[in-house]
């Protein structure tokens, strides 16, 4: 049971620590402060960090269980999964934060959602994805090395 919990929540907690400098921005703190259900900056931040880690963890698990054990195939599939998730995060997270949240009544940006907010959110999403992509790319490189 503990192993399962560590596999599910561990990567998100590590990512939360590595991603935590984004909380230096008052706009980002404002975003997390207004998120339901807890409306607490730290609790919302931890919930979001863990939730965002799940696609990377589940995707990596699927790659390892469904891809042939051949190094290059595994490497390519791992890189493709990481690329798709990164593009999705950088595209979807800012859209959700700037367009979706205000439409459901969560008005969190005191600067009225200008270009700097969009850039801040895209950078934060890219940073979060990089926390997972860098180790995945390293492992993909190792798996692609010829054996023998």
N, C-alpha and C. Protein backbone atom coordinates (compact mmCIF):
# COMPACT_ATOMS: atom_id res chain seq x y z
N UNK A 1 0.82 -1.20 0.00
CA UNK A 1 0.00 0.00 0.00
C UNK A 1 0.87 1.27 0.00
N UNK A 2 1.89 1.28 0.86
CA UNK A 2 2.77 2.44 0.92
C UNK A 2 3.50 2.64 -0.40
N UNK A 3 3.90 1.53 -1.04
CA UNK A 3 4.59 1.62 -2.33
C UNK A 3 3.71 2.29 -3.38
N UNK A 4 2.45 1.92 -3.40
CA UNK A 4 1.52 2.51 -4.36
C UNK A 4 1.34 4.00 -4.10
N UNK A 5 1.17 4.36 -2.84
CA UNK A 5 1.03 5.78 -2.50
C UNK A 5 2.28 6.57 -2.87
N UNK A 6 3.45 5.99 -2.63
CA UNK A 6 4.71 6.66 -2.99
C UNK A 6 4.82 6.83 -4.49
N UNK A 7 4.41 5.83 -5.26
CA UNK A 7 4.47 5.95 -6.73
C UNK A 7 3.49 6.98 -7.27
N UNK A 8 2.35 7.10 -6.62
CA UNK A 8 1.33 8.03 -7.10
C UNK A 8 1.64 9.46 -6.66
N UNK A 9 1.96 9.65 -5.39
CA UNK A 9 2.13 10.99 -4.85
C UNK A 9 3.57 11.48 -4.80
N UNK A 10 4.54 10.58 -4.78
CA UNK A 10 5.94 10.96 -4.68
C UNK A 10 6.42 11.89 -5.78
N UNK A 11 6.19 11.54 -7.05
CA UNK A 11 6.64 12.45 -8.11
C UNK A 11 6.01 13.84 -8.02
N UNK A 12 4.75 13.91 -7.64
CA UNK A 12 4.09 15.21 -7.50
C UNK A 12 4.66 16.03 -6.37
N UNK A 13 5.02 15.37 -5.27
CA UNK A 13 5.62 16.09 -4.15
C UNK A 13 7.02 16.59 -4.50
N UNK A 14 7.79 15.77 -5.21
CA UNK A 14 9.12 16.21 -5.66
C UNK A 14 8.97 17.38 -6.63
N UNK A 15 8.02 17.26 -7.55
CA UNK A 15 7.78 18.35 -8.50
C UNK A 15 7.34 19.62 -7.78
N UNK A 16 6.53 19.48 -6.74
CA UNK A 16 6.08 20.64 -5.98
C UNK A 16 7.26 21.38 -5.36
N UNK A 17 8.22 20.64 -4.85
CA UNK A 17 9.40 21.28 -4.26
C UNK A 17 10.22 21.98 -5.34
N UNK A 18 10.45 21.30 -6.47
CA UNK A 18 11.27 21.89 -7.54
C UNK A 18 10.58 23.04 -8.25
N UNK A 19 9.27 23.06 -8.21
CA UNK A 19 8.46 24.08 -8.89
C UNK A 19 8.13 25.25 -7.96
N UNK A 20 8.43 25.12 -6.67
CA UNK A 20 7.99 26.08 -5.66
C UNK A 20 8.45 27.53 -5.87
N UNK A 21 9.57 27.81 -6.53
CA UNK A 21 9.92 29.23 -6.74
C UNK A 21 8.86 30.03 -7.50
N UNK A 22 7.95 29.37 -8.21
CA UNK A 22 6.88 30.14 -8.88
C UNK A 22 6.00 30.84 -7.87
N UNK A 23 6.01 30.35 -6.63
CA UNK A 23 5.19 30.99 -5.60
C UNK A 23 5.73 32.35 -5.17
N UNK A 24 6.90 32.72 -5.67
CA UNK A 24 7.43 34.06 -5.41
C UNK A 24 6.59 35.13 -6.12
N UNK A 25 5.90 34.74 -7.18
CA UNK A 25 5.05 35.67 -7.91
C UNK A 25 3.72 35.84 -7.19
N UNK A 26 3.36 37.08 -6.92
CA UNK A 26 2.09 37.34 -6.24
C UNK A 26 0.90 36.93 -7.09
N UNK A 27 1.03 37.01 -8.41
CA UNK A 27 -0.07 36.57 -9.28
C UNK A 27 -0.29 35.07 -9.19
N UNK A 28 0.79 34.32 -9.14
CA UNK A 28 0.66 32.86 -9.02
C UNK A 28 0.08 32.49 -7.65
N UNK A 29 0.53 33.17 -6.61
CA UNK A 29 -0.04 32.92 -5.27
C UNK A 29 -1.54 33.24 -5.28
N UNK A 30 -1.90 34.32 -5.96
CA UNK A 30 -3.31 34.71 -6.06
C UNK A 30 -4.12 33.62 -6.78
N UNK A 31 -3.54 33.05 -7.82
CA UNK A 31 -4.20 31.97 -8.56
C UNK A 31 -4.47 30.79 -7.63
N UNK A 32 -3.45 30.32 -6.93
CA UNK A 32 -3.63 29.16 -6.07
C UNK A 32 -4.53 29.47 -4.87
N UNK A 33 -4.49 30.70 -4.40
CA UNK A 33 -5.31 31.09 -3.26
C UNK A 33 -6.80 31.02 -3.59
N UNK A 34 -7.16 31.28 -4.83
CA UNK A 34 -8.57 31.31 -5.20
C UNK A 34 -9.14 29.99 -5.67
N UNK A 35 -8.30 28.96 -5.79
CA UNK A 35 -8.79 27.68 -6.32
C UNK A 35 -9.62 26.91 -5.29
N UNK A 36 -10.78 26.41 -5.73
CA UNK A 36 -11.54 25.53 -4.86
C UNK A 36 -10.87 24.15 -4.82
N UNK A 37 -11.12 23.29 -3.95
CA UNK A 37 -12.10 23.36 -2.88
C UNK A 37 -11.54 23.96 -1.60
N UNK A 38 -10.22 24.14 -1.49
CA UNK A 38 -9.65 24.53 -0.20
C UNK A 38 -9.43 26.03 -0.07
N UNK A 39 -9.21 26.74 -1.15
CA UNK A 39 -8.95 28.18 -1.16
C UNK A 39 -7.82 28.56 -0.20
N UNK A 40 -6.79 27.75 -0.26
CA UNK A 40 -5.57 27.98 0.51
C UNK A 40 -4.40 27.85 -0.44
N UNK A 41 -3.49 28.81 -0.42
CA UNK A 41 -2.40 28.82 -1.38
C UNK A 41 -1.60 27.52 -1.34
N UNK A 42 -1.13 27.13 -0.19
CA UNK A 42 -0.25 25.95 -0.10
C UNK A 42 -1.01 24.67 -0.39
N UNK A 43 -2.19 24.51 0.17
CA UNK A 43 -2.97 23.29 -0.07
C UNK A 43 -3.34 23.17 -1.55
N UNK A 44 -3.79 24.26 -2.16
CA UNK A 44 -4.13 24.23 -3.59
C UNK A 44 -2.91 23.95 -4.43
N UNK A 45 -1.78 24.58 -4.07
CA UNK A 45 -0.54 24.36 -4.80
C UNK A 45 -0.14 22.90 -4.77
N UNK A 46 -0.19 22.28 -3.60
CA UNK A 46 0.17 20.86 -3.49
C UNK A 46 -0.79 19.97 -4.27
N UNK A 47 -2.09 20.26 -4.19
CA UNK A 47 -3.06 19.46 -4.94
C UNK A 47 -2.83 19.57 -6.44
N UNK A 48 -2.58 20.78 -6.93
CA UNK A 48 -2.33 20.98 -8.36
C UNK A 48 -1.03 20.30 -8.78
N UNK A 49 0.03 20.46 -7.98
CA UNK A 49 1.31 19.84 -8.33
C UNK A 49 1.20 18.33 -8.40
N UNK A 50 0.48 17.73 -7.47
CA UNK A 50 0.30 16.28 -7.49
C UNK A 50 -0.58 15.87 -8.66
N UNK A 51 -1.68 16.60 -8.88
CA UNK A 51 -2.58 16.26 -10.00
C UNK A 51 -1.87 16.36 -11.35
N UNK A 52 -1.04 17.39 -11.51
CA UNK A 52 -0.32 17.56 -12.78
C UNK A 52 0.73 16.48 -13.00
N UNK A 53 1.19 15.84 -11.94
CA UNK A 53 2.20 14.79 -12.09
C UNK A 53 1.58 13.48 -12.57
N UNK A 54 0.30 13.30 -12.36
CA UNK A 54 -0.34 12.03 -12.69
C UNK A 54 -0.24 11.65 -14.17
N UNK A 55 -0.49 12.56 -15.13
CA UNK A 55 -0.32 12.15 -16.52
C UNK A 55 1.10 11.69 -16.86
N UNK A 56 2.10 12.34 -16.28
CA UNK A 56 3.47 11.90 -16.53
C UNK A 56 3.71 10.51 -15.92
N UNK A 57 3.24 10.29 -14.71
CA UNK A 57 3.42 9.00 -14.06
C UNK A 57 2.66 7.89 -14.76
N UNK A 58 1.41 8.16 -15.09
CA UNK A 58 0.59 7.16 -15.78
C UNK A 58 1.14 6.91 -17.18
N UNK A 59 1.51 7.98 -17.88
CA UNK A 59 2.08 7.83 -19.22
C UNK A 59 3.36 7.02 -19.22
N UNK A 60 4.23 7.27 -18.25
CA UNK A 60 5.47 6.51 -18.16
C UNK A 60 5.18 5.05 -17.86
N UNK A 61 4.23 4.79 -16.98
CA UNK A 61 3.85 3.41 -16.69
C UNK A 61 3.31 2.71 -17.92
N UNK A 62 2.47 3.39 -18.68
CA UNK A 62 1.93 2.80 -19.91
C UNK A 62 3.04 2.53 -20.91
N UNK A 63 3.97 3.47 -21.05
CA UNK A 63 5.09 3.28 -21.99
C UNK A 63 5.89 2.03 -21.62
N UNK A 64 6.19 1.88 -20.35
CA UNK A 64 7.01 0.74 -19.92
C UNK A 64 6.26 -0.58 -19.99
N UNK A 65 4.95 -0.57 -19.88
CA UNK A 65 4.22 -1.84 -19.92
C UNK A 65 3.73 -2.23 -21.31
N UNK A 66 3.67 -1.28 -22.24
CA UNK A 66 3.13 -1.62 -23.56
C UNK A 66 4.16 -1.56 -24.69
N UNK A 67 5.32 -1.00 -24.44
CA UNK A 67 6.32 -0.87 -25.49
C UNK A 67 7.27 -2.05 -25.42
N UNK A 68 7.74 -2.46 -26.59
CA UNK A 68 8.71 -3.55 -26.61
C UNK A 68 9.94 -3.15 -25.81
N UNK A 69 10.65 -4.12 -25.36
CA UNK A 69 11.82 -3.83 -24.52
C UNK A 69 13.03 -3.41 -25.34
N UNK A 70 12.86 -3.30 -26.64
CA UNK A 70 13.95 -2.82 -27.48
C UNK A 70 14.26 -1.37 -27.13
N UNK A 71 15.53 -1.05 -26.95
CA UNK A 71 15.95 0.25 -26.46
C UNK A 71 15.44 1.44 -27.26
N UNK A 72 15.61 1.42 -28.58
CA UNK A 72 15.24 2.58 -29.39
C UNK A 72 13.73 2.80 -29.39
N UNK A 73 12.96 1.73 -29.45
CA UNK A 73 11.50 1.87 -29.44
C UNK A 73 11.03 2.45 -28.11
N UNK A 74 11.58 1.96 -27.03
CA UNK A 74 11.22 2.46 -25.71
C UNK A 74 11.63 3.92 -25.57
N UNK A 75 12.82 4.24 -26.03
CA UNK A 75 13.33 5.61 -25.96
C UNK A 75 12.44 6.58 -26.74
N UNK A 76 12.11 6.21 -27.97
CA UNK A 76 11.28 7.08 -28.81
C UNK A 76 9.88 7.27 -28.22
N UNK A 77 9.29 6.20 -27.72
CA UNK A 77 7.96 6.30 -27.15
C UNK A 77 7.97 7.17 -25.89
N UNK A 78 8.99 7.03 -25.07
CA UNK A 78 9.13 7.84 -23.86
C UNK A 78 9.27 9.32 -24.22
N UNK A 79 10.10 9.62 -25.21
CA UNK A 79 10.28 11.01 -25.64
C UNK A 79 9.00 11.58 -26.25
N UNK A 80 8.31 10.78 -27.05
CA UNK A 80 7.05 11.24 -27.66
C UNK A 80 6.00 11.55 -26.60
N UNK A 81 5.89 10.69 -25.59
CA UNK A 81 4.93 10.92 -24.51
C UNK A 81 5.28 12.21 -23.77
N UNK A 82 6.55 12.39 -23.45
CA UNK A 82 6.98 13.60 -22.75
C UNK A 82 6.72 14.86 -23.58
N UNK A 83 6.96 14.78 -24.89
CA UNK A 83 6.75 15.92 -25.78
C UNK A 83 5.26 16.29 -25.83
N UNK A 84 4.41 15.30 -26.01
CA UNK A 84 2.97 15.57 -26.10
C UNK A 84 2.45 16.19 -24.81
N UNK A 85 2.87 15.65 -23.67
CA UNK A 85 2.41 16.22 -22.40
C UNK A 85 2.94 17.64 -22.19
N UNK A 86 4.17 17.89 -22.58
CA UNK A 86 4.73 19.23 -22.42
C UNK A 86 3.97 20.25 -23.27
N UNK A 87 3.74 19.93 -24.52
CA UNK A 87 2.99 20.83 -25.40
C UNK A 87 1.58 21.04 -24.85
N UNK A 88 0.97 19.98 -24.37
CA UNK A 88 -0.37 20.09 -23.80
C UNK A 88 -0.37 21.00 -22.57
N UNK A 89 0.59 20.81 -21.68
CA UNK A 89 0.65 21.64 -20.48
C UNK A 89 0.86 23.11 -20.82
N UNK A 90 1.81 23.38 -21.71
CA UNK A 90 2.13 24.77 -22.05
C UNK A 90 0.95 25.43 -22.78
N UNK A 91 0.17 24.67 -23.50
CA UNK A 91 -0.98 25.23 -24.19
C UNK A 91 -2.23 25.31 -23.34
N UNK A 92 -2.54 24.24 -22.63
CA UNK A 92 -3.82 24.14 -21.93
C UNK A 92 -3.82 24.86 -20.57
N UNK A 93 -2.76 24.76 -19.81
CA UNK A 93 -2.77 25.36 -18.47
C UNK A 93 -2.97 26.89 -18.50
N UNK A 94 -2.24 27.63 -19.35
CA UNK A 94 -2.53 29.07 -19.40
C UNK A 94 -3.95 29.38 -19.87
N UNK A 95 -4.44 28.64 -20.87
CA UNK A 95 -5.81 28.86 -21.34
C UNK A 95 -6.83 28.62 -20.23
N UNK A 96 -6.65 27.54 -19.51
CA UNK A 96 -7.56 27.23 -18.41
C UNK A 96 -7.51 28.30 -17.34
N UNK A 97 -6.31 28.77 -17.03
CA UNK A 97 -6.16 29.74 -15.95
C UNK A 97 -6.68 31.13 -16.32
N UNK A 98 -6.47 31.54 -17.56
CA UNK A 98 -6.83 32.90 -17.97
C UNK A 98 -8.24 32.99 -18.53
N UNK A 99 -8.70 31.95 -19.20
CA UNK A 99 -10.03 32.01 -19.81
C UNK A 99 -11.05 31.22 -18.99
N UNK A 100 -10.69 29.99 -18.62
CA UNK A 100 -11.64 29.12 -17.94
C UNK A 100 -12.00 29.55 -16.52
N UNK A 101 -10.99 29.83 -15.71
CA UNK A 101 -11.27 30.16 -14.30
C UNK A 101 -12.12 31.43 -14.14
N UNK A 102 -11.81 32.53 -14.84
CA UNK A 102 -12.68 33.71 -14.69
C UNK A 102 -14.12 33.45 -15.13
N UNK A 103 -14.31 32.58 -16.12
CA UNK A 103 -15.67 32.30 -16.59
C UNK A 103 -16.50 31.53 -15.57
N UNK A 104 -15.82 30.81 -14.66
CA UNK A 104 -16.58 30.10 -13.62
C UNK A 104 -16.56 30.86 -12.30
N UNK A 105 -16.13 32.12 -12.36
CA UNK A 105 -16.22 32.99 -11.20
C UNK A 105 -14.96 33.09 -10.35
N UNK A 106 -13.84 32.57 -10.83
CA UNK A 106 -12.59 32.68 -10.08
C UNK A 106 -11.72 33.73 -10.76
N UNK A 107 -11.88 34.98 -10.33
CA UNK A 107 -11.14 36.10 -10.89
C UNK A 107 -9.89 36.31 -10.03
N UNK A 108 -8.77 35.83 -10.49
CA UNK A 108 -7.58 35.76 -9.64
C UNK A 108 -6.48 36.74 -10.00
N UNK A 109 -6.48 37.33 -11.19
CA UNK A 109 -5.35 38.17 -11.62
C UNK A 109 -5.63 39.65 -11.42
N UNK A 110 -4.93 40.29 -10.49
CA UNK A 110 -5.14 41.72 -10.27
C UNK A 110 -4.66 42.59 -11.43
N UNK A 111 -3.89 42.04 -12.38
CA UNK A 111 -3.39 42.83 -13.51
C UNK A 111 -4.26 42.64 -14.75
N UNK A 112 -5.42 42.02 -14.60
CA UNK A 112 -6.40 41.89 -15.66
C UNK A 112 -5.95 41.00 -16.83
N UNK A 113 -5.18 39.96 -16.56
CA UNK A 113 -4.87 38.92 -17.54
C UNK A 113 -4.17 39.43 -18.79
N UNK A 114 -3.19 40.26 -18.59
CA UNK A 114 -2.43 40.81 -19.72
C UNK A 114 -1.38 39.83 -20.24
N UNK A 115 -0.59 40.31 -21.17
CA UNK A 115 0.44 39.49 -21.80
C UNK A 115 1.42 38.93 -20.77
N UNK A 116 1.77 39.73 -19.78
CA UNK A 116 2.72 39.25 -18.77
C UNK A 116 2.15 38.07 -17.98
N UNK A 117 0.85 38.05 -17.76
CA UNK A 117 0.23 36.91 -17.08
C UNK A 117 0.31 35.66 -17.95
N UNK A 118 0.00 35.82 -19.24
CA UNK A 118 0.10 34.69 -20.16
C UNK A 118 1.54 34.13 -20.18
N UNK A 119 2.52 35.02 -20.27
CA UNK A 119 3.92 34.58 -20.30
C UNK A 119 4.32 33.91 -18.99
N UNK A 120 3.87 34.46 -17.89
CA UNK A 120 4.15 33.88 -16.59
C UNK A 120 3.58 32.47 -16.48
N UNK A 121 2.35 32.30 -16.92
CA UNK A 121 1.71 30.98 -16.85
C UNK A 121 2.35 29.98 -17.82
N UNK A 122 2.69 30.43 -19.02
CA UNK A 122 3.36 29.53 -19.97
C UNK A 122 4.72 29.11 -19.44
N UNK A 123 5.44 30.05 -18.84
CA UNK A 123 6.74 29.72 -18.26
C UNK A 123 6.58 28.75 -17.10
N UNK A 124 5.60 28.98 -16.25
CA UNK A 124 5.35 28.07 -15.12
C UNK A 124 4.99 26.67 -15.60
N UNK A 125 4.18 26.58 -16.64
CA UNK A 125 3.80 25.27 -17.19
C UNK A 125 5.01 24.57 -17.81
N UNK A 126 5.82 25.32 -18.54
CA UNK A 126 7.02 24.74 -19.13
C UNK A 126 8.00 24.28 -18.05
N UNK A 127 8.15 25.07 -17.01
CA UNK A 127 9.02 24.71 -15.90
C UNK A 127 8.53 23.41 -15.25
N UNK A 128 7.23 23.33 -15.01
CA UNK A 128 6.68 22.12 -14.39
C UNK A 128 6.95 20.91 -15.27
N UNK A 129 6.68 21.04 -16.55
CA UNK A 129 6.91 19.92 -17.46
C UNK A 129 8.39 19.54 -17.50
N UNK A 130 9.28 20.53 -17.45
CA UNK A 130 10.71 20.25 -17.49
C UNK A 130 11.17 19.42 -16.30
N UNK A 131 10.49 19.57 -15.17
CA UNK A 131 10.82 18.76 -13.99
C UNK A 131 10.69 17.27 -14.32
N UNK A 132 9.75 16.93 -15.19
CA UNK A 132 9.57 15.53 -15.59
C UNK A 132 10.32 15.19 -16.87
N UNK A 133 10.37 16.13 -17.80
CA UNK A 133 10.97 15.84 -19.10
C UNK A 133 12.48 15.62 -19.00
N UNK A 134 13.16 16.37 -18.17
CA UNK A 134 14.62 16.23 -18.08
C UNK A 134 15.01 14.82 -17.64
N UNK A 135 14.45 14.28 -16.54
CA UNK A 135 14.83 12.90 -16.21
C UNK A 135 14.33 11.88 -17.23
N UNK A 136 13.15 12.11 -17.81
CA UNK A 136 12.66 11.17 -18.83
C UNK A 136 13.56 11.19 -20.06
N UNK A 137 14.04 12.36 -20.46
CA UNK A 137 14.95 12.45 -21.60
C UNK A 137 16.27 11.77 -21.29
N UNK A 138 16.74 11.90 -20.06
CA UNK A 138 17.98 11.21 -19.66
C UNK A 138 17.80 9.70 -19.77
N UNK A 139 16.70 9.18 -19.23
CA UNK A 139 16.46 7.74 -19.32
C UNK A 139 16.26 7.30 -20.77
N UNK A 140 15.60 8.11 -21.56
CA UNK A 140 15.42 7.78 -22.98
C UNK A 140 16.77 7.70 -23.68
N UNK A 141 17.67 8.60 -23.36
CA UNK A 141 19.02 8.56 -23.92
C UNK A 141 19.73 7.27 -23.51
N UNK A 142 19.63 6.90 -22.25
CA UNK A 142 20.27 5.68 -21.77
C UNK A 142 19.68 4.46 -22.47
N UNK A 143 18.36 4.42 -22.62
CA UNK A 143 17.72 3.28 -23.28
C UNK A 143 18.09 3.19 -24.76
N UNK A 144 18.40 4.33 -25.37
CA UNK A 144 18.74 4.34 -26.80
C UNK A 144 20.18 3.91 -27.08
N UNK A 145 21.00 3.87 -26.04
CA UNK A 145 22.40 3.46 -26.26
C UNK A 145 22.45 2.00 -26.71
N UNK A 146 23.35 1.71 -27.61
CA UNK A 146 23.46 0.31 -28.08
C UNK A 146 23.95 -0.59 -26.95
N UNK A 147 23.42 -1.78 -26.93
CA UNK A 147 23.85 -2.76 -25.94
C UNK A 147 24.84 -3.70 -26.58
N UNK A 148 25.69 -4.20 -25.79
CA UNK A 148 26.58 -5.18 -26.40
C UNK A 148 27.90 -5.10 -25.87
